[in-house]
Amino acid sequence: MIGVIGLGNMGLSMAINLQQKDESVLGYDICASSQKRARQQNIRLCNSLKDLIKQSEILILSLPKAEHVLETCLGEEGIIAYPKKGLIVIDTSTSIPETSRQIAQVFCDIEMTFVDAPVSGGPLGAASGTMSMVVGSSEAVYDEITPILNKMSANHLRVGEVGAGNITKLGNNLLVAANLLLVAEAMSMATRLGVDPQAFLGGINQGSGRSAVSEVNFKKWILNQTYDSGFTMGLMRKDVALAQNLLPDDLLLSQQVVNFWHDSHNLADEIDFNAIVQLVDEKLFKKS
């Protein structure tokens, strides 16, 4: 049995995907609206964390922030309160490496296992099992959970011991944050010089300057002005801030990217994170 803790956009999508692939799934969330959405998708719910742990061999966490992961795992009413020998906890949240290592050590002392396996691909990728995962764990644990990871993702890779998954994910999101700004600036330049934005994008995506941002984000969510990727400004600002905490002072370009995102608070936390391009060129990218 697989228990999923956190039934927001990502967690619920993971639960649905695993259930459709013949896994027995139980869900748990303290939010009433999330519970309602899960029931509508025929996900069975547990009324208590204790009951979820009792019935599960693997727990998957999908939570907003590192503090939620820490409270869920080591809080007075968290997983630690109901120890179960052999339990594996796979945290798909974007968290802090030190938090992951702290939890892993505590769990190891009581013969439970904690893995950090943050994901990329958004709710659509989670629902279809096509997202990517970077995993921090021992090789033996990675081999053990690979059958589940195969169902959850199109690509997964062990990048080191616990904590390495979060470091890699934060590096990835820092690159996304930078690429959004760089592609927007390059497109703004080209457009002001008379090149059609769609034609410019097509040219870039045939060249060596292409990226996932130019190939996916600009096509799916920016140039058509839908801005509905399912990932918010608030979440991306959170991830950029976490990456900043890992950056050495001499990495100046990355610091400039961090500063730009930090100063973007006139864009509300609730809107799509791709809207950052509007601060580069409002006329070209602002939703009409």
C-alpha atoms as a PDB file:
ATOM      1  CA  MET A   1       0.000   0.000   0.000  1.00  0.00           C
ATOM      2  CA  ILE A   2       1.214   3.494  -0.895  1.00  0.00           C
ATOM      3  CA  GLY A   3       0.146   6.427   1.255  1.00  0.00           C
ATOM      4  CA  VAL A   4       0.216   9.940  -0.208  1.00  0.00           C
ATOM      5  CA  ILE A   5       0.463  12.846   2.243  1.00  0.00           C
ATOM      6  CA  GLY A   6      -0.481  16.193   0.720  1.00  0.00           C
ATOM      7  CA  LEU A   7      -3.256  16.095  -1.872  1.00  0.00           C
ATOM      8  CA  GLY A   8      -2.762  19.444  -3.572  1.00  0.00           C
ATOM      9  CA  ASN A   9      -2.286  19.738  -7.322  1.00  0.00           C
ATOM     10  CA  MET A  10       0.859  17.605  -7.364  1.00  0.00           C
ATOM     11  CA  GLY A  11       0.077  15.078  -4.640  1.00  0.00           C
ATOM     12  CA  LEU A  12      -3.407  14.319  -5.912  1.00  0.00           C
ATOM     13  CA  SER A  13      -2.103  13.928  -9.458  1.00  0.00           C
ATOM     14  CA  MET A  14       0.536  11.461  -8.233  1.00  0.00           C
ATOM     15  CA  ALA A  15      -2.094   9.508  -6.306  1.00  0.00           C
ATOM     16  CA  ILE A  16      -4.387   9.307  -9.338  1.00  0.00           C
ATOM     17  CA  ASN A  17      -1.530   8.189 -11.595  1.00  0.00           C
ATOM     18  CA  LEU A  18      -0.411   5.448  -9.205  1.00  0.00           C
ATOM     19  CA  GLN A  19      -3.967   4.207  -8.714  1.00  0.00           C
ATOM     20  CA  GLN A  20      -4.499   4.055 -12.476  1.00  0.00           C
ATOM     21  CA  LYS A  21      -1.344   1.932 -12.679  1.00  0.00           C
ATOM     22  CA  ASP A  22      -2.799  -0.661 -10.336  1.00  0.00           C
ATOM     23  CA  GLU A  23      -1.163   0.462  -7.106  1.00  0.00           C
ATOM     24  CA  SER A  24      -3.238   0.455  -3.928  1.00  0.00           C
ATOM     25  CA  VAL A  25      -3.302   4.085  -2.797  1.00  0.00           C
ATOM     26  CA  LEU A  26      -4.463   5.857   0.349  1.00  0.00           C
ATOM     27  CA  GLY A  27      -4.465   9.627   0.767  1.00  0.00           C
ATOM     28  CA  TYR A  28      -4.153  11.993   3.713  1.00  0.00           C
ATOM     29  CA  ASP A  29      -4.554  15.770   3.880  1.00  0.00           C
ATOM     30  CA  ILE A  30      -5.737  18.060   6.666  1.00  0.00           C
ATOM     31  CA  CYS A  31      -7.337  20.477   4.166  1.00  0.00           C
ATOM     32  CA  ALA A  32     -11.082  19.911   3.667  1.00  0.00           C
ATOM     33  CA  SER A  33     -11.090  21.152   0.064  1.00  0.00           C
ATOM     34  CA  SER A  34      -8.218  18.812  -0.837  1.00  0.00           C
ATOM     35  CA  GLN A  35     -10.088  15.924   0.767  1.00  0.00           C
ATOM     36  CA  LYS A  36     -13.158  16.749  -1.290  1.00  0.00           C
ATOM     37  CA  ARG A  37     -11.179  16.845  -4.548  1.00  0.00           C
ATOM     38  CA  ALA A  38      -9.530  13.531  -3.707  1.00  0.00           C
ATOM     39  CA  ARG A  39     -12.873  11.845  -3.043  1.00  0.00           C
ATOM     40  CA  GLN A  40     -14.166  13.164  -6.358  1.00  0.00           C
ATOM     41  CA  GLN A  41     -11.234  11.361  -7.995  1.00  0.00           C
ATOM     42  CA  ASN A  42     -12.007   8.133  -6.090  1.00  0.00           C
ATOM     43  CA  ILE A  43      -8.906   8.311  -3.913  1.00  0.00           C
ATOM     44  CA  ARG A  44      -9.540   6.575  -0.580  1.00  0.00           C
ATOM     45  CA  LEU A  45      -8.688   8.715   2.427  1.00  0.00           C
ATOM     46  CA  CYS A  46      -7.471   7.971   5.925  1.00  0.00           C
ATOM     47  CA  ASN A  47      -8.873   9.947   8.825  1.00  0.00           C
ATOM     48  CA  SER A  48      -5.570   9.960  10.705  1.00  0.00           C
ATOM     49  CA  LEU A  49      -1.863   9.854  10.000  1.00  0.00           C
ATOM     50  CA  LYS A  50      -1.578   6.937  12.411  1.00  0.00           C
ATOM     51  CA  ASP A  51      -4.015   4.886  10.337  1.00  0.00           C
ATOM     52  CA  LEU A  52      -2.239   5.823   7.093  1.00  0.00           C
ATOM     53  CA  ILE A  53       1.120   4.672   8.425  1.00  0.00           C
ATOM     54  CA  LYS A  54      -0.372   1.459   9.785  1.00  0.00           C
ATOM     55  CA  GLN A  55      -1.642   0.500   6.328  1.00  0.00           C
ATOM     56  CA  SER A  56       1.282   1.729   4.190  1.00  0.00           C
ATOM     57  CA  GLU A  57       4.671   0.323   3.214  1.00  0.00           C
ATOM     58  CA  ILE A  58       5.658   3.484   1.355  1.00  0.00           C
ATOM     59  CA  LEU A  59       4.675   7.084   2.087  1.00  0.00           C
ATOM     60  CA  ILE A  60       4.952   9.793  -0.573  1.00  0.00           C
ATOM     61  CA  LEU A  61       5.083  13.390   0.643  1.00  0.00           C
ATOM     62  CA  SER A  62       3.994  16.306  -1.550  1.00  0.00           C
ATOM     63  CA  LEU A  63       4.129  19.410   0.629  1.00  0.00           C
ATOM     64  CA  PRO A  64       4.649  23.138  -0.019  1.00  0.00           C
ATOM     65  CA  LYS A  65       7.725  23.941   2.085  1.00  0.00           C
ATOM     66  CA  ALA A  66      10.556  22.418   4.093  1.00  0.00           C
ATOM     67  CA  GLU A  67       8.909  23.407   7.372  1.00  0.00           C
ATOM     68  CA  HIS A  68       5.830  21.382   6.412  1.00  0.00           C
ATOM     69  CA  VAL A  69       8.033  18.384   5.639  1.00  0.00           C
ATOM     70  CA  LEU A  70       9.822  18.731   8.980  1.00  0.00           C
ATOM     71  CA  GLU A  71       6.567  19.034  10.945  1.00  0.00           C
ATOM     72  CA  THR A  72       4.966  16.118   9.094  1.00  0.00           C
ATOM     73  CA  CYS A  73       7.963  13.895   9.766  1.00  0.00           C
ATOM     74  CA  LEU A  74       9.311  14.960  13.150  1.00  0.00           C
ATOM     75  CA  GLY A  75       6.490  16.948  14.762  1.00  0.00           C
ATOM     76  CA  GLU A  76       4.731  15.767  17.913  1.00  0.00           C
ATOM     77  CA  GLU A  77       1.895  14.333  15.827  1.00  0.00           C
ATOM     78  CA  GLY A  78       4.091  13.508  12.842  1.00  0.00           C
ATOM     79  CA  ILE A  79       5.313  10.264  11.333  1.00  0.00           C
ATOM     80  CA  ILE A  80       7.912   9.901  14.092  1.00  0.00           C
ATOM     81  CA  ALA A  81       5.062   9.516  16.604  1.00  0.00           C
ATOM     82  CA  TYR A  82       4.015   6.247  14.922  1.00  0.00           C
ATOM     83  CA  PRO A  83       7.288   4.453  14.104  1.00  0.00           C
ATOM     84  CA  LYS A  84       7.067   1.490  11.761  1.00  0.00           C
ATOM     85  CA  LYS A  85      10.095  -0.654  11.024  1.00  0.00           C
ATOM     86  CA  GLY A  86      10.883  -0.775   7.302  1.00  0.00           C
ATOM     87  CA  LEU A  87       8.689   2.183   6.335  1.00  0.00           C
ATOM     88  CA  ILE A  88      10.048   4.167   3.361  1.00  0.00           C
ATOM     89  CA  VAL A  89       9.183   7.856   3.084  1.00  0.00           C
ATOM     90  CA  ILE A  90       9.735   9.439  -0.352  1.00  0.00           C
ATOM     91  CA  ASP A  91       9.612  13.230  -0.178  1.00  0.00           C
ATOM     92  CA  THR A  92       8.787  14.773  -3.559  1.00  0.00           C
ATOM     93  CA  SER A  93       8.649  18.306  -2.129  1.00  0.00           C
ATOM     94  CA  THR A  94      11.266  20.906  -3.015  1.00  0.00           C
ATOM     95  CA  SER A  95      12.911  21.219   0.375  1.00  0.00           C
ATOM     96  CA  ILE A  96      16.188  22.060   2.118  1.00  0.00           C
ATOM     97  CA  PRO A  97      19.024  19.505   2.015  1.00  0.00           C
ATOM     98  CA  GLU A  98      19.793  19.883   5.718  1.00  0.00           C
ATOM     99  CA  THR A  99      16.141  19.241   6.569  1.00  0.00           C
ATOM    100  CA  SER A 100      16.223  16.045   4.515  1.00  0.00           C
ATOM    101  CA  ARG A 101      19.434  14.889   6.183  1.00  0.00           C
ATOM    102  CA  GLN A 102      18.077  15.611   9.665  1.00  0.00           C
ATOM    103  CA  ILE A 103      14.924  13.591   9.025  1.00  0.00           C
ATOM    104  CA  ALA A 104      16.877  10.762   7.391  1.00  0.00           C
ATOM    105  CA  GLN A 105      19.155  10.394  10.422  1.00  0.00           C
ATOM    106  CA  VAL A 106      16.273  10.338  12.895  1.00  0.00           C
ATOM    107  CA  PHE A 107      14.388   7.791  10.799  1.00  0.00           C
ATOM    108  CA  CYS A 108      17.494   5.641  10.334  1.00  0.00           C
ATOM    109  CA  ASP A 109      17.858   5.359  14.106  1.00  0.00           C
ATOM    110  CA  ILE A 110      14.411   3.714  14.290  1.00  0.00           C
ATOM    111  CA  GLU A 111      14.845   1.581  11.136  1.00  0.00           C
ATOM    112  CA  MET A 112      12.805   3.754   8.788  1.00  0.00           C
ATOM    113  CA  THR A 113      14.055   5.300   5.543  1.00  0.00           C
ATOM    114  CA  PHE A 114      13.760   8.847   4.206  1.00  0.00           C
ATOM    115  CA  VAL A 115      14.465   9.730   0.567  1.00  0.00           C
ATOM    116  CA  ASP A 116      14.466  13.184  -1.024  1.00  0.00           C
ATOM    117  CA  ALA A 117      13.116  12.935  -4.567  1.00  0.00           C
ATOM    118  CA  PRO A 118      11.921  16.361  -5.753  1.00  0.00           C
ATOM    119  CA  VAL A 119      10.089  16.468  -9.065  1.00  0.00           C
ATOM    120  CA  SER A 120       9.766  18.557 -12.227  1.00  0.00           C
ATOM    121  CA  GLY A 121       6.931  18.484 -14.713  1.00  0.00           C
ATOM    122  CA  GLY A 122       3.987  20.075 -12.944  1.00  0.00           C
ATOM    123  CA  PRO A 123       0.543  18.576 -12.276  1.00  0.00           C
ATOM    124  CA  LEU A 124       0.204  17.310 -15.854  1.00  0.00           C
ATOM    125  CA  GLY A 125       3.474  15.415 -15.565  1.00  0.00           C
ATOM    126  CA  ALA A 126       2.447  14.028 -12.188  1.00  0.00           C
ATOM    127  CA  ALA A 127      -0.926  12.864 -13.514  1.00  0.00           C
ATOM    128  CA  SER A 128       0.564  11.198 -16.579  1.00  0.00           C
ATOM    129  CA  GLY A 129       3.636   9.768 -14.876  1.00  0.00           C
ATOM    130  CA  THR A 130       5.925  11.738 -17.209  1.00  0.00           C
ATOM    131  CA  MET A 131       7.598  14.043 -14.698  1.00  0.00           C
ATOM    132  CA  SER A 132      11.299  13.906 -13.795  1.00  0.00           C
ATOM    133  CA  MET A 133      12.738  13.058 -10.381  1.00  0.00           C
ATOM    134  CA  VAL A 134      16.195  13.576  -8.880  1.00  0.00           C
ATOM    135  CA  VAL A 135      16.782  11.257  -5.955  1.00  0.00           C
ATOM    136  CA  GLY A 136      18.944  11.462  -2.841  1.00  0.00           C
ATOM    137  CA  SER A 137      19.348   8.027  -1.268  1.00  0.00           C
ATOM    138  CA  SER A 138      21.662   5.065  -0.939  1.00  0.00           C
ATOM    139  CA  GLU A 139      22.061   2.874  -4.017  1.00  0.00           C
ATOM    140  CA  ALA A 140      20.286   0.004  -2.251  1.00  0.00           C
ATOM    141  CA  VAL A 141      17.238   2.108  -1.379  1.00  0.00           C
ATOM    142  CA  TYR A 142      17.154   3.568  -4.892  1.00  0.00           C
ATOM    143  CA  ASP A 143      17.065   0.068  -6.361  1.00  0.00           C
ATOM    144  CA  GLU A 144      14.264  -0.863  -3.962  1.00  0.00           C
ATOM    145  CA  ILE A 145      12.014   2.071  -4.882  1.00  0.00           C
ATOM    146  CA  THR A 146      12.774   2.082  -8.617  1.00  0.00           C
ATOM    147  CA  PRO A 147       9.582   0.154  -9.549  1.00  0.00           C
ATOM    148  CA  ILE A 148       7.486   2.906  -7.919  1.00  0.00           C
ATOM    149  CA  LEU A 149       9.613   5.684  -9.441  1.00  0.00           C
ATOM    150  CA  ASN A 150       9.122   4.087 -12.871  1.00  0.00           C
ATOM    151  CA  LYS A 151       5.373   4.494 -12.475  1.00  0.00           C
ATOM    152  CA  MET A 152       5.635   8.057 -11.201  1.00  0.00           C
ATOM    153  CA  SER A 153       8.072   9.468 -13.742  1.00  0.00           C
ATOM    154  CA  ALA A 154       9.466   9.210 -17.243  1.00  0.00           C
ATOM    155  CA  ASN A 155      12.952   9.991 -15.965  1.00  0.00           C
ATOM    156  CA  HIS A 156      14.528   9.526 -12.573  1.00  0.00           C
ATOM    157  CA  LEU A 157      18.144   9.607 -11.488  1.00  0.00           C
ATOM    158  CA  ARG A 158      19.965   9.001  -8.236  1.00  0.00           C
ATOM    159  CA  VAL A 159      22.269  12.004  -7.815  1.00  0.00           C
ATOM    160  CA  GLY A 160      23.824  11.089  -4.462  1.00  0.00           C
ATOM    161  CA  GLU A 161      22.985  10.493  -0.825  1.00  0.00           C
ATOM    162  CA  VAL A 162      20.072  12.121   1.004  1.00  0.00           C
ATOM    163  CA  GLY A 163      20.086  15.886   0.397  1.00  0.00           C
ATOM    164  CA  ALA A 164      21.572  15.652  -3.082  1.00  0.00           C
ATOM    165  CA  GLY A 165      18.123  15.503  -4.641  1.00  0.00           C
ATOM    166  CA  ASN A 166      17.143  18.857  -3.185  1.00  0.00           C
ATOM    167  CA  ILE A 167      20.452  20.499  -4.108  1.00  0.00           C
ATOM    168  CA  THR A 168      20.021  19.337  -7.704  1.00  0.00           C
ATOM    169  CA  LYS A 169      16.373  20.430  -7.861  1.00  0.00           C
ATOM    170  CA  LEU A 170      17.174  23.893  -6.519  1.00  0.00           C
ATOM    171  CA  GLY A 171      19.943  24.200  -9.105  1.00  0.00           C
ATOM    172  CA  ASN A 172      17.462  23.186 -11.792  1.00  0.00           C
ATOM    173  CA  ASN A 173      14.905  25.758 -10.688  1.00  0.00           C
ATOM    174  CA  LEU A 174      17.546  28.468 -10.527  1.00  0.00           C
ATOM    175  CA  LEU A 175      18.351  27.716 -14.172  1.00  0.00           C
ATOM    176  CA  VAL A 176      14.658  27.890 -15.077  1.00  0.00           C
ATOM    177  CA  ALA A 177      14.398  31.216 -13.254  1.00  0.00           C
ATOM    178  CA  ALA A 178      17.389  32.542 -15.210  1.00  0.00           C
ATOM    179  CA  ASN A 179      16.312  31.126 -18.578  1.00  0.00           C
ATOM    180  CA  LEU A 180      12.883  32.731 -18.352  1.00  0.00           C
ATOM    181  CA  LEU A 181      14.548  36.125 -18.017  1.00  0.00           C
ATOM    182  CA  LEU A 182      17.202  35.507 -20.668  1.00  0.00           C
ATOM    183  CA  VAL A 183      14.819  34.189 -23.324  1.00  0.00           C
ATOM    184  CA  ALA A 184      12.418  37.053 -22.589  1.00  0.00           C
ATOM    185  CA  GLU A 185      15.206  39.604 -23.012  1.00  0.00           C
ATOM    186  CA  ALA A 186      16.439  38.027 -26.240  1.00  0.00           C
ATOM    187  CA  MET A 187      12.888  37.923 -27.621  1.00  0.00           C
ATOM    188  CA  SER A 188      12.279  41.521 -26.590  1.00  0.00           C
ATOM    189  CA  MET A 189      15.435  42.552 -28.434  1.00  0.00           C
ATOM    190  CA  ALA A 190      14.436  40.671 -31.588  1.00  0.00           C
ATOM    191  CA  THR A 191      10.859  41.955 -31.537  1.00  0.00           C
ATOM    192  CA  ARG A 192      11.968  45.566 -31.214  1.00  0.00           C
ATOM    193  CA  LEU A 193      14.135  45.007 -34.286  1.00  0.00           C
ATOM    194  CA  GLY A 194      11.175  43.736 -36.301  1.00  0.00           C
ATOM    195  CA  VAL A 195      11.351  39.944 -35.899  1.00  0.00           C
ATOM    196  CA  ASP A 196       8.065  38.137 -35.216  1.00  0.00           C
ATOM    197  CA  PRO A 197       8.128  36.542 -31.717  1.00  0.00           C
ATOM    198  CA  GLN A 198       6.924  33.147 -32.961  1.00  0.00           C
ATOM    199  CA  ALA A 199       9.480  33.140 -35.774  1.00  0.00           C
ATOM    200  CA  PHE A 200      12.227  34.122 -33.328  1.00  0.00           C
ATOM    201  CA  LEU A 201      11.233  31.298 -30.980  1.00  0.00           C
ATOM    202  CA  GLY A 202      11.271  28.801 -33.845  1.00  0.00           C
ATOM    203  CA  GLY A 203      14.752  29.939 -34.816  1.00  0.00           C
ATOM    204  CA  ILE A 204      16.076  29.719 -31.271  1.00  0.00           C
ATOM    205  CA  ASN A 205      14.649  26.230 -30.866  1.00  0.00           C
ATOM    206  CA  GLN A 206      16.595  25.051 -33.910  1.00  0.00           C
ATOM    207  CA  GLY A 207      19.821  26.461 -32.507  1.00  0.00           C
ATOM    208  CA  SER A 208      22.225  25.897 -29.662  1.00  0.00           C
ATOM    209  CA  GLY A 209      20.543  28.498 -27.429  1.00  0.00           C
ATOM    210  CA  ARG A 210      17.385  26.444 -26.961  1.00  0.00           C
ATOM    211  CA  SER A 211      16.279  25.200 -23.563  1.00  0.00           C
ATOM    212  CA  ALA A 212      13.255  23.605 -21.932  1.00  0.00           C
ATOM    213  CA  VAL A 213      12.069  27.146 -21.225  1.00  0.00           C
ATOM    214  CA  SER A 214      12.204  28.168 -24.896  1.00  0.00           C
ATOM    215  CA  GLU A 215      10.850  24.845 -26.139  1.00  0.00           C
ATOM    216  CA  VAL A 216       8.035  24.420 -23.602  1.00  0.00           C
ATOM    217  CA  ASN A 217       7.272  27.443 -21.420  1.00  0.00           C
ATOM    218  CA  PHE A 218       7.186  30.114 -24.104  1.00  0.00           C
ATOM    219  CA  LYS A 219       5.154  27.952 -26.456  1.00  0.00           C
ATOM    220  CA  LYS A 220       2.653  26.507 -23.961  1.00  0.00           C
ATOM    221  CA  TRP A 221       2.104  29.325 -21.490  1.00  0.00           C
ATOM    222  CA  ILE A 222       3.705  32.633 -22.470  1.00  0.00           C
ATOM    223  CA  LEU A 223       3.252  33.642 -26.108  1.00  0.00           C
ATOM    224  CA  ASN A 224      -0.370  32.471 -26.051  1.00  0.00           C
ATOM    225  CA  GLN A 225      -0.769  34.361 -22.753  1.00  0.00           C
ATOM    226  CA  THR A 226      -2.501  31.498 -20.939  1.00  0.00           C
ATOM    227  CA  TYR A 227      -0.103  31.596 -17.970  1.00  0.00           C
ATOM    228  CA  ASP A 228      -1.591  28.434 -16.478  1.00  0.00           C
ATOM    229  CA  SER A 229       1.300  26.011 -15.911  1.00  0.00           C
ATOM    230  CA  GLY A 230       0.069  25.137 -12.403  1.00  0.00           C
ATOM    231  CA  PHE A 231       3.194  26.514 -10.688  1.00  0.00           C
ATOM    232  CA  THR A 232       2.906  29.906  -8.989  1.00  0.00           C
ATOM    233  CA  MET A 233       5.124  32.944  -8.550  1.00  0.00           C
ATOM    234  CA  GLY A 234       5.072  32.352  -4.818  1.00  0.00           C
ATOM    235  CA  LEU A 235       6.403  28.811  -5.159  1.00  0.00           C
ATOM    236  CA  MET A 236       9.125  29.826  -7.599  1.00  0.00           C
ATOM    237  CA  ARG A 237      10.201  32.752  -5.422  1.00  0.00           C
ATOM    238  CA  LYS A 238      10.407  30.281  -2.538  1.00  0.00           C
ATOM    239  CA  ASP A 239      12.645  27.944  -4.551  1.00  0.00           C
ATOM    240  CA  VAL A 240      14.870  30.790  -5.759  1.00  0.00           C
ATOM    241  CA  ALA A 241      15.275  31.965  -2.158  1.00  0.00           C
ATOM    242  CA  LEU A 242      16.241  28.426  -1.104  1.00  0.00           C
ATOM    243  CA  ALA A 243      18.803  28.315  -3.922  1.00  0.00           C
ATOM    244  CA  GLN A 244      20.201  31.657  -2.742  1.00  0.00           C
ATOM    245  CA  ASN A 245      20.943  30.095   0.646  1.00  0.00           C
ATOM    246  CA  LEU A 246      23.181  27.561  -1.114  1.00  0.00           C
ATOM    247  CA  LEU A 247      25.007  30.022  -3.393  1.00  0.00           C
ATOM    248  CA  PRO A 248      28.617  31.003  -2.682  1.00  0.00           C
ATOM    249  CA  ASP A 249      29.115  34.775  -2.779  1.00  0.00           C
ATOM    250  CA  ASP A 250      31.351  34.651  -5.859  1.00  0.00           C
ATOM    251  CA  LEU A 251      28.619  33.311  -8.184  1.00  0.00           C
ATOM    252  CA  LEU A 252      27.563  36.783  -9.238  1.00  0.00           C
ATOM    253  CA  LEU A 253      25.305  36.049 -12.227  1.00  0.00           C
ATOM    254  CA  SER A 254      23.169  33.709 -10.159  1.00  0.00           C
ATOM    255  CA  GLN A 255      22.959  36.380  -7.465  1.00  0.00           C
ATOM    256  CA  GLN A 256      21.619  38.828 -10.062  1.00  0.00           C
ATOM    257  CA  VAL A 257      18.907  36.345 -11.045  1.00  0.00           C
ATOM    258  CA  VAL A 258      17.987  35.894  -7.386  1.00  0.00           C
ATOM    259  CA  ASN A 259      17.775  39.648  -6.905  1.00  0.00           C
ATOM    260  CA  PHE A 260      15.480  40.068  -9.909  1.00  0.00           C
ATOM    261  CA  TRP A 261      13.065  37.465  -8.558  1.00  0.00           C
ATOM    262  CA  HIS A 262      13.282  38.910  -5.058  1.00  0.00           C
ATOM    263  CA  ASP A 263      12.245  42.305  -6.423  1.00  0.00           C
ATOM    264  CA  SER A 264       9.261  40.904  -8.358  1.00  0.00           C
ATOM    265  CA  HIS A 265       6.681  41.240  -5.586  1.00  0.00           C
ATOM    266  CA  ASN A 266       4.399  43.458  -7.657  1.00  0.00           C
ATOM    267  CA  LEU A 267       3.464  40.147  -9.299  1.00  0.00           C
ATOM    268  CA  ALA A 268       1.138  38.375  -6.852  1.00  0.00           C
ATOM    269  CA  ASP A 269       2.150  35.041  -5.342  1.00  0.00           C
ATOM    270  CA  GLU A 270      -0.962  33.385  -6.767  1.00  0.00           C
ATOM    271  CA  ILE A 271      -0.294  34.044 -10.464  1.00  0.00           C
ATOM    272  CA  ASP A 272       1.656  31.751 -12.787  1.00  0.00           C
ATOM    273  CA  PHE A 273       5.442  31.884 -12.387  1.00  0.00           C
ATOM    274  CA  ASN A 274       5.962  32.380 -16.115  1.00  0.00           C
ATOM    275  CA  ALA A 275       4.513  35.871 -15.671  1.00  0.00           C
ATOM    276  CA  ILE A 276       7.995  37.018 -14.544  1.00  0.00           C
ATOM    277  CA  VAL A 277       8.630  37.767 -18.242  1.00  0.00           C
ATOM    278  CA  GLN A 278       6.151  40.641 -17.983  1.00  0.00           C
ATOM    279  CA  LEU A 279       8.719  42.532 -15.928  1.00  0.00           C
ATOM    280  CA  VAL A 280      11.150  42.239 -18.843  1.00  0.00           C
ATOM    281  CA  ASP A 281       8.751  43.564 -21.512  1.00  0.00           C
ATOM    282  CA  GLU A 282       5.237  44.410 -20.376  1.00  0.00           C
ATOM    283  CA  LYS A 283       3.991  45.339 -23.857  1.00  0.00           C
ATOM    284  CA  LEU A 284       5.125  42.044 -25.389  1.00  0.00           C
ATOM    285  CA  PHE A 285       4.172  39.615 -22.615  1.00  0.00           C
ATOM    286  CA  LYS A 286       1.431  41.129 -20.478  1.00  0.00           C
ATOM    287  CA  LYS A 287      -1.867  39.248 -20.661  1.00  0.00           C
ATOM    288  CA  SER A 288      -4.389  41.327 -22.604  1.00  0.00           C
END
